[in-house]
């Protein structure tokens, strides 16, 4: 069990994932700065961004209190998420895809040998068993 855990931890994919999480957390500060410096002022041109918590569905509770479902905060979170996704796409995904295309054009891929299907393997096993039992 310990050996299996050791192999799991030392695999390259787990380490790559850990590095990606750490870099993602650090990158969040940059994206939050972009959102607060650019996106929030743009949104403020159209409506009062400081009042987003007040935007929403208002209902009366059973004890007479006013309850607000803050849909404005949800909209702000969606806008922030879309801004993060757009920045990550433009900064990381597009350049990486261009790099991969460039590398693929530079080094054409060698065609991999196709493996036989399960049915083909079963036919081969059947034929081998027939030969062994006949001889």
Protein backbone atom coordinates (compact mmCIF):
# COMPACT_ATOMS: atom_id res chain seq x y z
CA UNK A 1 0.00 0.00 0.00
CA UNK A 2 2.82 2.41 0.87
CA UNK A 3 4.61 1.51 -2.39
CA UNK A 4 1.45 2.23 -4.40
CA UNK A 5 1.05 5.61 -2.71
CA UNK A 6 4.72 6.42 -3.36
CA UNK A 7 4.30 5.61 -7.07
CA UNK A 8 1.14 7.72 -7.24
CA UNK A 9 2.82 10.74 -5.64
CA UNK A 10 5.98 10.56 -7.75
CA UNK A 11 4.15 10.35 -11.08
CA UNK A 12 4.74 13.37 -13.28
CA UNK A 13 1.03 14.14 -13.67
CA UNK A 14 0.48 14.60 -9.93
CA UNK A 15 3.46 16.93 -9.63
CA UNK A 16 2.37 18.87 -12.72
CA UNK A 17 -1.10 19.23 -11.25
CA UNK A 18 0.30 20.50 -7.94
CA UNK A 19 2.43 23.07 -9.76
CA UNK A 20 -0.61 24.16 -11.79
CA UNK A 21 -2.66 24.67 -8.63
CA UNK A 22 0.06 26.78 -7.01
CA UNK A 23 0.56 28.88 -10.14
CA UNK A 24 -3.21 29.22 -10.51
CA UNK A 25 -3.49 30.52 -6.96
CA UNK A 26 -0.70 33.04 -7.58
CA UNK A 27 -2.25 34.03 -10.92
CA UNK A 28 -5.57 34.72 -9.16
CA UNK A 29 -4.08 37.86 -7.60
CA UNK A 30 -3.18 39.19 -11.04
CA UNK A 31 -6.62 38.41 -12.45
CA UNK A 32 -8.34 40.00 -9.45
CA UNK A 33 -6.26 43.14 -10.01
CA UNK A 34 -7.26 43.22 -13.68
CA UNK A 35 -10.92 42.76 -12.76
CA UNK A 36 -10.86 45.49 -10.10
CA UNK A 37 -8.80 47.89 -12.24
CA UNK A 38 -10.50 47.39 -15.62
CA UNK A 39 -13.67 45.30 -15.52
CA UNK A 40 -15.30 46.87 -12.44
CA UNK A 41 -14.87 50.45 -13.74
CA UNK A 42 -16.33 49.37 -17.09
CA UNK A 43 -19.33 47.85 -15.34
CA UNK A 44 -19.65 51.01 -13.23
CA UNK A 45 -20.21 52.98 -16.42
CA UNK A 46 -23.56 51.24 -16.81
CA UNK A 47 -24.76 50.77 -13.22
CA UNK A 48 -23.67 51.33 -9.63
CA UNK A 49 -21.27 48.45 -8.97
CA UNK A 50 -21.17 49.13 -5.22
CA UNK A 51 -24.89 48.36 -4.99
CA UNK A 52 -24.71 44.87 -6.50
CA UNK A 53 -25.62 43.32 -3.15
CA UNK A 54 -28.87 45.26 -3.19
CA UNK A 55 -29.89 44.02 -6.64
CA UNK A 56 -32.04 40.94 -6.42
CA UNK A 57 -35.33 39.36 -5.59
CA UNK A 58 -36.90 40.73 -2.41
CA UNK A 59 -39.40 38.74 -0.38
CA UNK A 60 -41.08 39.10 2.98
CA UNK A 61 -40.14 36.49 5.57
CA UNK A 62 -42.61 34.81 7.90
CA UNK A 63 -41.51 37.12 10.73
CA UNK A 64 -42.07 40.27 8.66
CA UNK A 65 -38.43 40.89 7.77
CA UNK A 66 -37.35 41.79 4.25
CA UNK A 67 -35.15 39.14 2.61
CA UNK A 68 -33.08 39.87 -0.50
CA UNK A 69 -31.64 37.16 -2.72
CA UNK A 70 -28.50 39.01 -3.93
CA UNK A 71 -28.52 38.18 -7.62
CA UNK A 72 -26.20 41.13 -8.22
CA UNK A 73 -23.41 39.31 -6.35
CA UNK A 74 -23.99 36.26 -8.52
CA UNK A 75 -23.77 38.39 -11.65
CA UNK A 76 -20.54 39.95 -10.36
CA UNK A 77 -19.09 36.49 -9.67
CA UNK A 78 -20.05 35.30 -13.17
CA UNK A 79 -18.42 38.37 -14.73
CA UNK A 80 -15.27 37.78 -12.66
CA UNK A 81 -15.21 34.10 -13.69
CA UNK A 82 -15.60 34.98 -17.37
CA UNK A 83 -12.83 37.56 -17.06
CA UNK A 84 -10.54 34.97 -15.46
CA UNK A 85 -11.40 32.39 -18.13
CA UNK A 86 -10.78 34.89 -20.94
CA UNK A 87 -7.43 36.00 -19.54
CA UNK A 88 -6.28 32.41 -18.95
CA UNK A 89 -7.34 31.50 -22.49
CA UNK A 90 -5.54 34.45 -24.07
CA UNK A 91 -2.39 34.23 -21.93
CA UNK A 92 -1.93 30.45 -21.71
CA UNK A 93 -4.09 28.41 -24.08
CA UNK A 94 -3.68 30.38 -27.31
CA UNK A 95 0.13 30.68 -27.07
CA UNK A 96 0.46 27.00 -26.09
CA UNK A 97 -1.68 25.90 -29.04
CA UNK A 98 0.42 28.05 -31.39
CA UNK A 99 3.58 26.54 -29.93
CA UNK A 100 2.25 22.99 -30.36
CA UNK A 101 1.25 23.71 -33.98
CA UNK A 102 4.71 25.13 -34.64
CA UNK A 103 6.39 22.07 -33.08
CA UNK A 104 4.12 19.69 -35.02
CA UNK A 105 4.96 21.43 -38.29
CA UNK A 106 8.65 21.26 -37.44
CA UNK A 107 8.60 17.55 -36.47
CA UNK A 108 5.98 15.59 -38.38
CA UNK A 109 4.49 12.88 -36.21
CA UNK A 110 5.43 9.30 -36.90
CA UNK A 111 2.37 7.17 -37.56
CA UNK A 112 1.76 4.86 -34.67
CA UNK A 113 1.17 1.20 -35.37
CA UNK A 114 -2.50 0.46 -34.90
CA UNK A 115 -3.28 -2.26 -32.40
CA UNK A 116 -5.60 -5.10 -33.31
CA UNK A 117 -9.16 -4.88 -32.12
CA UNK A 118 -10.56 -7.14 -29.44
CA UNK A 119 -12.44 -9.12 -32.06
CA UNK A 120 -9.28 -9.67 -34.12
CA UNK A 121 -7.44 -10.91 -31.03
CA UNK A 122 -10.24 -13.33 -30.19
CA UNK A 123 -10.19 -14.70 -33.75
CA UNK A 124 -6.42 -15.25 -33.51
CA UNK A 125 -6.83 -17.06 -30.17
CA UNK A 126 -9.61 -19.24 -31.60
CA UNK A 127 -7.51 -20.13 -34.65
CA UNK A 128 -4.51 -20.96 -32.46
CA UNK A 129 -6.63 -23.22 -30.24
CA UNK A 130 -8.01 -25.01 -33.32
CA UNK A 131 -4.47 -25.58 -34.64
CA UNK A 132 -3.30 -26.93 -31.26
CA UNK A 133 -6.26 -29.30 -30.87
CA UNK A 134 -6.01 -30.56 -34.47
CA UNK A 135 -2.30 -31.30 -34.30
